């Protein structure tokens, strides 16, 4: 049994119908699988990196085992979050399409590998980075990264300690968002990032963009 902590940053307080429908369905699935399941929303913080660090702090103050970051504008099939929590890996996520046509997905492949090979046990693909819009992180990953990097400690404006595991950085001439920066540091610290390529996901913008990254990969020329 997993104890799943779903963290949903929502700066404006608005959450799409697709996200709400997916979360309602996931609650029932979690009960069916006998997982504990809690959802925390965070709003009114325009700095997404600080918001994520704040939510990590709140997660670590509980005894929950798995933290899942979920953006407020994505949707997914019932069972997706439970599946992510059940995979025996450190960090794993599902990929949603960009809010644009033609279909593309945000993630980073491991450059030195010439092909993608699914793990025979789980069917997951190892990747260099994933966005944080549907990403599961094991508790021990966060604890070990904090232990390894005490220099990341800072004090929240509202009071209390937090750690800048998520922050915007620049590597050479590349500017990295807080999610890619986190994945980069996690890999440096010895953790692997995995992608479940079988999940149908939506990403709501001026329309609902829907895609399955596994099908997209198979159809690429």
C-alpha atoms as a PDB file:
ATOM      1  CA  UNK A   1       0.000   0.000   0.000  1.00  0.00           C
ATOM      2  CA  UNK A   2       1.258   3.469  -0.900  1.00  0.00           C
ATOM      3  CA  UNK A   3       0.452   6.752   0.795  1.00  0.00           C
ATOM      4  CA  UNK A   4       0.045   9.189  -2.080  1.00  0.00           C
ATOM      5  CA  UNK A   5       0.384  12.962  -1.638  1.00  0.00           C
ATOM      6  CA  UNK A   6      -0.796  14.844  -4.746  1.00  0.00           C
ATOM      7  CA  UNK A   7       0.514  18.419  -4.928  1.00  0.00           C
ATOM      8  CA  UNK A   8      -1.319  20.767  -7.303  1.00  0.00           C
ATOM      9  CA  UNK A   9       0.101  24.276  -7.770  1.00  0.00           C
ATOM     10  CA  UNK A  10      -2.720  26.598  -8.876  1.00  0.00           C
ATOM     11  CA  UNK A  11      -1.549  30.203  -8.822  1.00  0.00           C
ATOM     12  CA  UNK A  12      -4.889  31.755  -9.812  1.00  0.00           C
ATOM     13  CA  UNK A  13      -6.987  29.197  -7.945  1.00  0.00           C
ATOM     14  CA  UNK A  14      -8.423  27.932 -11.245  1.00  0.00           C
ATOM     15  CA  UNK A  15      -8.365  24.206 -12.067  1.00  0.00           C
ATOM     16  CA  UNK A  16      -9.635  22.767 -15.348  1.00  0.00           C
ATOM     17  CA  UNK A  17     -12.580  20.419 -15.601  1.00  0.00           C
ATOM     18  CA  UNK A  18     -10.268  17.753 -17.046  1.00  0.00           C
ATOM     19  CA  UNK A  19      -8.026  17.905 -13.969  1.00  0.00           C
ATOM     20  CA  UNK A  20     -10.980  17.815 -11.561  1.00  0.00           C
ATOM     21  CA  UNK A  21     -12.601  14.871 -13.346  1.00  0.00           C
ATOM     22  CA  UNK A  22      -9.307  12.973 -13.324  1.00  0.00           C
ATOM     23  CA  UNK A  23      -8.710  13.596  -9.618  1.00  0.00           C
ATOM     24  CA  UNK A  24     -12.238  12.577  -8.618  1.00  0.00           C
ATOM     25  CA  UNK A  25     -11.855   9.301 -10.526  1.00  0.00           C
ATOM     26  CA  UNK A  26      -8.399   8.715  -9.034  1.00  0.00           C
ATOM     27  CA  UNK A  27      -9.744   9.021  -5.490  1.00  0.00           C
ATOM     28  CA  UNK A  28     -12.092   6.089  -6.127  1.00  0.00           C
ATOM     29  CA  UNK A  29      -9.303   4.067  -7.725  1.00  0.00           C
ATOM     30  CA  UNK A  30      -6.998   4.722  -4.768  1.00  0.00           C
ATOM     31  CA  UNK A  31      -9.683   3.531  -2.350  1.00  0.00           C
ATOM     32  CA  UNK A  32     -10.177   0.402  -4.465  1.00  0.00           C
ATOM     33  CA  UNK A  33      -6.429  -0.356  -4.375  1.00  0.00           C
ATOM     34  CA  UNK A  34      -6.261   0.460  -0.640  1.00  0.00           C
ATOM     35  CA  UNK A  35      -3.865   3.384  -1.066  1.00  0.00           C
ATOM     36  CA  UNK A  36      -4.089   6.432   1.163  1.00  0.00           C
ATOM     37  CA  UNK A  37      -4.619   9.490  -1.011  1.00  0.00           C
ATOM     38  CA  UNK A  38      -4.558  13.191  -0.200  1.00  0.00           C
ATOM     39  CA  UNK A  39      -4.587  16.265  -2.436  1.00  0.00           C
ATOM     40  CA  UNK A  40      -3.040  19.596  -1.522  1.00  0.00           C
ATOM     41  CA  UNK A  41      -3.610  22.743  -3.590  1.00  0.00           C
ATOM     42  CA  UNK A  42      -1.344  25.789  -3.439  1.00  0.00           C
ATOM     43  CA  UNK A  43      -2.351  29.165  -4.836  1.00  0.00           C
ATOM     44  CA  UNK A  44      -1.368  32.834  -4.801  1.00  0.00           C
ATOM     45  CA  UNK A  45       2.334  32.203  -5.381  1.00  0.00           C
ATOM     46  CA  UNK A  46       3.475  33.393  -8.790  1.00  0.00           C
ATOM     47  CA  UNK A  47       6.957  31.872  -8.339  1.00  0.00           C
ATOM     48  CA  UNK A  48       6.426  28.240  -9.341  1.00  0.00           C
ATOM     49  CA  UNK A  49       9.817  27.048  -8.062  1.00  0.00           C
ATOM     50  CA  UNK A  50       9.135  28.441  -4.580  1.00  0.00           C
ATOM     51  CA  UNK A  51       5.648  26.929  -4.670  1.00  0.00           C
ATOM     52  CA  UNK A  52       7.050  23.473  -5.446  1.00  0.00           C
ATOM     53  CA  UNK A  53       9.645  23.725  -2.682  1.00  0.00           C
ATOM     54  CA  UNK A  54       6.937  24.779  -0.240  1.00  0.00           C
ATOM     55  CA  UNK A  55       4.828  21.760  -1.206  1.00  0.00           C
ATOM     56  CA  UNK A  56       7.835  19.437  -0.807  1.00  0.00           C
ATOM     57  CA  UNK A  57       8.262  20.819   2.712  1.00  0.00           C
ATOM     58  CA  UNK A  58       4.612  20.106   3.495  1.00  0.00           C
ATOM     59  CA  UNK A  59       4.884  16.583   2.082  1.00  0.00           C
ATOM     60  CA  UNK A  60       7.942  15.789   4.192  1.00  0.00           C
ATOM     61  CA  UNK A  61       6.081  16.873   7.318  1.00  0.00           C
ATOM     62  CA  UNK A  62       3.695  13.943   6.748  1.00  0.00           C
ATOM     63  CA  UNK A  63       4.402  10.209   6.740  1.00  0.00           C
ATOM     64  CA  UNK A  64       3.286   9.783   3.119  1.00  0.00           C
ATOM     65  CA  UNK A  65       5.505   7.679   0.850  1.00  0.00           C
ATOM     66  CA  UNK A  66       4.969   9.151  -2.623  1.00  0.00           C
ATOM     67  CA  UNK A  67       4.704  12.749  -3.807  1.00  0.00           C
ATOM     68  CA  UNK A  68       3.028  13.405  -7.141  1.00  0.00           C
ATOM     69  CA  UNK A  69       3.209  16.858  -8.669  1.00  0.00           C
ATOM     70  CA  UNK A  70       0.206  17.508 -10.871  1.00  0.00           C
ATOM     71  CA  UNK A  71      -0.458  20.645 -12.890  1.00  0.00           C
ATOM     72  CA  UNK A  72      -3.910  22.210 -12.758  1.00  0.00           C
ATOM     73  CA  UNK A  73      -4.475  21.946 -16.529  1.00  0.00           C
ATOM     74  CA  UNK A  74      -3.795  18.267 -17.324  1.00  0.00           C
ATOM     75  CA  UNK A  75      -6.038  15.213 -17.468  1.00  0.00           C
ATOM     76  CA  UNK A  76      -5.380  11.480 -17.382  1.00  0.00           C
ATOM     77  CA  UNK A  77      -7.181   8.078 -17.277  1.00  0.00           C
ATOM     78  CA  UNK A  78      -8.330   6.578 -13.995  1.00  0.00           C
ATOM     79  CA  UNK A  79      -5.508   4.681 -12.303  1.00  0.00           C
ATOM     80  CA  UNK A  80      -2.653   6.762 -13.718  1.00  0.00           C
ATOM     81  CA  UNK A  81      -1.461   8.223 -10.412  1.00  0.00           C
ATOM     82  CA  UNK A  82      -1.871   4.910  -8.588  1.00  0.00           C
ATOM     83  CA  UNK A  83       0.185   3.210 -11.291  1.00  0.00           C
ATOM     84  CA  UNK A  84       2.947   5.799 -10.964  1.00  0.00           C
ATOM     85  CA  UNK A  85       3.050   5.270  -7.200  1.00  0.00           C
ATOM     86  CA  UNK A  86       3.274   1.493  -7.610  1.00  0.00           C
ATOM     87  CA  UNK A  87       6.287   1.420  -9.954  1.00  0.00           C
ATOM     88  CA  UNK A  88       9.424   0.257  -8.080  1.00  0.00           C
ATOM     89  CA  UNK A  89      11.548   3.187  -9.271  1.00  0.00           C
ATOM     90  CA  UNK A  90      12.773   6.471  -7.786  1.00  0.00           C
ATOM     91  CA  UNK A  91      11.144   9.021 -10.099  1.00  0.00           C
ATOM     92  CA  UNK A  92       8.548   8.367 -12.792  1.00  0.00           C
ATOM     93  CA  UNK A  93       6.083  10.455 -14.735  1.00  0.00           C
ATOM     94  CA  UNK A  94       3.639  10.640 -17.578  1.00  0.00           C
ATOM     95  CA  UNK A  95       4.030  13.072 -20.475  1.00  0.00           C
ATOM     96  CA  UNK A  96       1.358  15.466 -21.699  1.00  0.00           C
ATOM     97  CA  UNK A  97       1.511  17.277 -25.039  1.00  0.00           C
ATOM     98  CA  UNK A  98       2.480  20.885 -25.486  1.00  0.00           C
ATOM     99  CA  UNK A  99      -0.497  23.174 -25.960  1.00  0.00           C
ATOM    100  CA  UNK A 100       0.189  23.530 -29.659  1.00  0.00           C
ATOM    101  CA  UNK A 101      -0.159  21.858 -33.040  1.00  0.00           C
ATOM    102  CA  UNK A 102       1.411  19.719 -34.414  1.00  0.00           C
ATOM    103  CA  UNK A 103       1.689  17.328 -31.499  1.00  0.00           C
ATOM    104  CA  UNK A 104       4.926  17.481 -29.464  1.00  0.00           C
ATOM    105  CA  UNK A 105       5.874  16.395 -25.949  1.00  0.00           C
ATOM    106  CA  UNK A 106       8.196  18.042 -23.415  1.00  0.00           C
ATOM    107  CA  UNK A 107      10.919  15.751 -22.126  1.00  0.00           C
ATOM    108  CA  UNK A 108      14.635  15.193 -22.523  1.00  0.00           C
ATOM    109  CA  UNK A 109      16.111  12.019 -23.965  1.00  0.00           C
ATOM    110  CA  UNK A 110      19.470  10.656 -22.853  1.00  0.00           C
ATOM    111  CA  UNK A 111      21.662  12.011 -25.643  1.00  0.00           C
ATOM    112  CA  UNK A 112      24.340   9.320 -25.632  1.00  0.00           C
ATOM    113  CA  UNK A 113      21.813   6.525 -26.233  1.00  0.00           C
ATOM    114  CA  UNK A 114      20.974   5.764 -29.830  1.00  0.00           C
ATOM    115  CA  UNK A 115      17.582   4.198 -29.192  1.00  0.00           C
ATOM    116  CA  UNK A 116      14.808   3.908 -26.623  1.00  0.00           C
ATOM    117  CA  UNK A 117      14.503   0.501 -24.962  1.00  0.00           C
ATOM    118  CA  UNK A 118      11.677  -0.239 -22.562  1.00  0.00           C
ATOM    119  CA  UNK A 119      12.523  -1.863 -19.243  1.00  0.00           C
ATOM    120  CA  UNK A 120      11.303  -5.481 -19.614  1.00  0.00           C
ATOM    121  CA  UNK A 121       9.817  -5.576 -16.120  1.00  0.00           C
ATOM    122  CA  UNK A 122       7.904  -2.294 -16.082  1.00  0.00           C
ATOM    123  CA  UNK A 123       7.689  -1.132 -19.699  1.00  0.00           C
ATOM    124  CA  UNK A 124       9.115   2.237 -18.619  1.00  0.00           C
ATOM    125  CA  UNK A 125      11.623   4.302 -20.600  1.00  0.00           C
ATOM    126  CA  UNK A 126      14.612   5.905 -18.884  1.00  0.00           C
ATOM    127  CA  UNK A 127      14.892   9.585 -19.827  1.00  0.00           C
ATOM    128  CA  UNK A 128      17.057  12.561 -18.930  1.00  0.00           C
ATOM    129  CA  UNK A 129      14.238  14.808 -17.746  1.00  0.00           C
ATOM    130  CA  UNK A 130      10.478  15.190 -17.537  1.00  0.00           C
ATOM    131  CA  UNK A 131       8.228  18.144 -16.793  1.00  0.00           C
ATOM    132  CA  UNK A 132       6.716  18.267 -13.320  1.00  0.00           C
ATOM    133  CA  UNK A 133       3.095  18.374 -14.446  1.00  0.00           C
ATOM    134  CA  UNK A 134       2.570  14.661 -13.692  1.00  0.00           C
ATOM    135  CA  UNK A 135       5.626  13.420 -11.851  1.00  0.00           C
ATOM    136  CA  UNK A 136       5.929  10.965  -8.934  1.00  0.00           C
ATOM    137  CA  UNK A 137       8.908  11.234  -6.576  1.00  0.00           C
ATOM    138  CA  UNK A 138       9.658   8.732  -3.818  1.00  0.00           C
ATOM    139  CA  UNK A 139      10.015  10.207  -0.339  1.00  0.00           C
ATOM    140  CA  UNK A 140      13.549   8.877   0.097  1.00  0.00           C
ATOM    141  CA  UNK A 141      14.680  10.701  -3.058  1.00  0.00           C
ATOM    142  CA  UNK A 142      13.748  14.078  -1.567  1.00  0.00           C
ATOM    143  CA  UNK A 143      15.184  13.189   1.831  1.00  0.00           C
ATOM    144  CA  UNK A 144      18.503  12.053   0.374  1.00  0.00           C
ATOM    145  CA  UNK A 145      18.815  15.105  -1.883  1.00  0.00           C
ATOM    146  CA  UNK A 146      18.185  17.417   1.070  1.00  0.00           C
ATOM    147  CA  UNK A 147      20.716  15.526   3.175  1.00  0.00           C
ATOM    148  CA  UNK A 148      23.265  15.786   0.372  1.00  0.00           C
ATOM    149  CA  UNK A 149      22.674  19.494  -0.284  1.00  0.00           C
ATOM    150  CA  UNK A 150      22.292  21.390   3.013  1.00  0.00           C
ATOM    151  CA  UNK A 151      23.360  24.538   1.156  1.00  0.00           C
ATOM    152  CA  UNK A 152      19.913  24.620  -0.484  1.00  0.00           C
ATOM    153  CA  UNK A 153      18.201  25.532   2.783  1.00  0.00           C
ATOM    154  CA  UNK A 154      16.314  28.830   2.915  1.00  0.00           C
ATOM    155  CA  UNK A 155      13.501  30.357   4.938  1.00  0.00           C
ATOM    156  CA  UNK A 156       9.985  30.672   3.590  1.00  0.00           C
ATOM    157  CA  UNK A 157       8.412  34.162   3.623  1.00  0.00           C
ATOM    158  CA  UNK A 158       5.589  32.649   5.655  1.00  0.00           C
ATOM    159  CA  UNK A 159       8.088  31.150   8.113  1.00  0.00           C
ATOM    160  CA  UNK A 160       9.849  27.804   8.410  1.00  0.00           C
ATOM    161  CA  UNK A 161      12.625  26.090   6.469  1.00  0.00           C
ATOM    162  CA  UNK A 162      12.465  24.857   2.894  1.00  0.00           C
ATOM    163  CA  UNK A 163      15.032  23.580   0.404  1.00  0.00           C
ATOM    164  CA  UNK A 164      15.552  24.885  -3.122  1.00  0.00           C
ATOM    165  CA  UNK A 165      15.341  21.519  -4.863  1.00  0.00           C
ATOM    166  CA  UNK A 166      13.310  23.229  -7.564  1.00  0.00           C
ATOM    167  CA  UNK A 167      14.839  26.407  -8.948  1.00  0.00           C
ATOM    168  CA  UNK A 168      15.561  28.043 -12.278  1.00  0.00           C
ATOM    169  CA  UNK A 169      19.193  27.616 -13.299  1.00  0.00           C
ATOM    170  CA  UNK A 170      21.522  28.325 -16.194  1.00  0.00           C
ATOM    171  CA  UNK A 171      23.948  25.676 -17.452  1.00  0.00           C
ATOM    172  CA  UNK A 172      26.340  27.141 -19.975  1.00  0.00           C
ATOM    173  CA  UNK A 173      24.129  29.048 -22.383  1.00  0.00           C
ATOM    174  CA  UNK A 174      21.031  26.959 -21.603  1.00  0.00           C
ATOM    175  CA  UNK A 175      18.347  28.269 -19.246  1.00  0.00           C
ATOM    176  CA  UNK A 176      16.637  25.456 -17.359  1.00  0.00           C
ATOM    177  CA  UNK A 177      13.187  25.528 -15.803  1.00  0.00           C
ATOM    178  CA  UNK A 178      12.725  24.325 -12.232  1.00  0.00           C
ATOM    179  CA  UNK A 179      11.527  20.891 -13.344  1.00  0.00           C
ATOM    180  CA  UNK A 180      14.426  20.191 -15.720  1.00  0.00           C
ATOM    181  CA  UNK A 181      16.860  21.546 -13.142  1.00  0.00           C
ATOM    182  CA  UNK A 182      15.460  19.157 -10.515  1.00  0.00           C
ATOM    183  CA  UNK A 183      15.755  16.161 -12.862  1.00  0.00           C
ATOM    184  CA  UNK A 184      19.310  17.131 -13.776  1.00  0.00           C
ATOM    185  CA  UNK A 185      20.378  17.298 -10.131  1.00  0.00           C
ATOM    186  CA  UNK A 186      18.538  14.087  -9.271  1.00  0.00           C
ATOM    187  CA  UNK A 187      20.468  12.226 -11.972  1.00  0.00           C
ATOM    188  CA  UNK A 188      23.752  13.730 -10.767  1.00  0.00           C
ATOM    189  CA  UNK A 189      22.840  12.464  -7.298  1.00  0.00           C
ATOM    190  CA  UNK A 190      22.375   8.935  -8.633  1.00  0.00           C
ATOM    191  CA  UNK A 191      18.623   8.684  -9.229  1.00  0.00           C
ATOM    192  CA  UNK A 192      17.000   7.626 -12.495  1.00  0.00           C
ATOM    193  CA  UNK A 193      14.105   9.350 -14.258  1.00  0.00           C
ATOM    194  CA  UNK A 194      11.516   7.104 -15.894  1.00  0.00           C
ATOM    195  CA  UNK A 195       8.666   7.751 -18.323  1.00  0.00           C
ATOM    196  CA  UNK A 196       5.482   5.702 -18.646  1.00  0.00           C
ATOM    197  CA  UNK A 197       4.827   5.966 -22.412  1.00  0.00           C
ATOM    198  CA  UNK A 198       1.381   4.353 -22.332  1.00  0.00           C
ATOM    199  CA  UNK A 199      -0.662   7.139 -20.729  1.00  0.00           C
ATOM    200  CA  UNK A 200      -3.203   9.196 -22.679  1.00  0.00           C
ATOM    201  CA  UNK A 201      -3.006  12.742 -21.356  1.00  0.00           C
ATOM    202  CA  UNK A 202      -4.708  16.056 -21.998  1.00  0.00           C
ATOM    203  CA  UNK A 203      -3.325  19.576 -21.642  1.00  0.00           C
ATOM    204  CA  UNK A 204      -5.888  22.365 -21.682  1.00  0.00           C
ATOM    205  CA  UNK A 205      -5.197  25.707 -23.319  1.00  0.00           C
ATOM    206  CA  UNK A 206      -7.316  27.482 -25.937  1.00  0.00           C
ATOM    207  CA  UNK A 207      -8.499  23.931 -26.667  1.00  0.00           C
ATOM    208  CA  UNK A 208      -7.931  20.537 -25.070  1.00  0.00           C
ATOM    209  CA  UNK A 209      -4.781  18.978 -26.541  1.00  0.00           C
ATOM    210  CA  UNK A 210      -4.740  15.190 -26.206  1.00  0.00           C
ATOM    211  CA  UNK A 211      -1.932  12.759 -26.910  1.00  0.00           C
ATOM    212  CA  UNK A 212      -0.176   9.508 -26.067  1.00  0.00           C
ATOM    213  CA  UNK A 213       3.597   9.805 -26.190  1.00  0.00           C
ATOM    214  CA  UNK A 214       4.071   6.102 -26.930  1.00  0.00           C
ATOM    215  CA  UNK A 215       1.894   6.316 -30.042  1.00  0.00           C
ATOM    216  CA  UNK A 216       3.591   9.575 -31.016  1.00  0.00           C
ATOM    217  CA  UNK A 217       7.018   7.940 -30.810  1.00  0.00           C
ATOM    218  CA  UNK A 218       5.926   4.945 -32.887  1.00  0.00           C
ATOM    219  CA  UNK A 219       4.563   7.206 -35.644  1.00  0.00           C
ATOM    220  CA  UNK A 220       7.549   9.547 -35.877  1.00  0.00           C
ATOM    221  CA  UNK A 221       9.513   9.452 -39.121  1.00  0.00           C
END
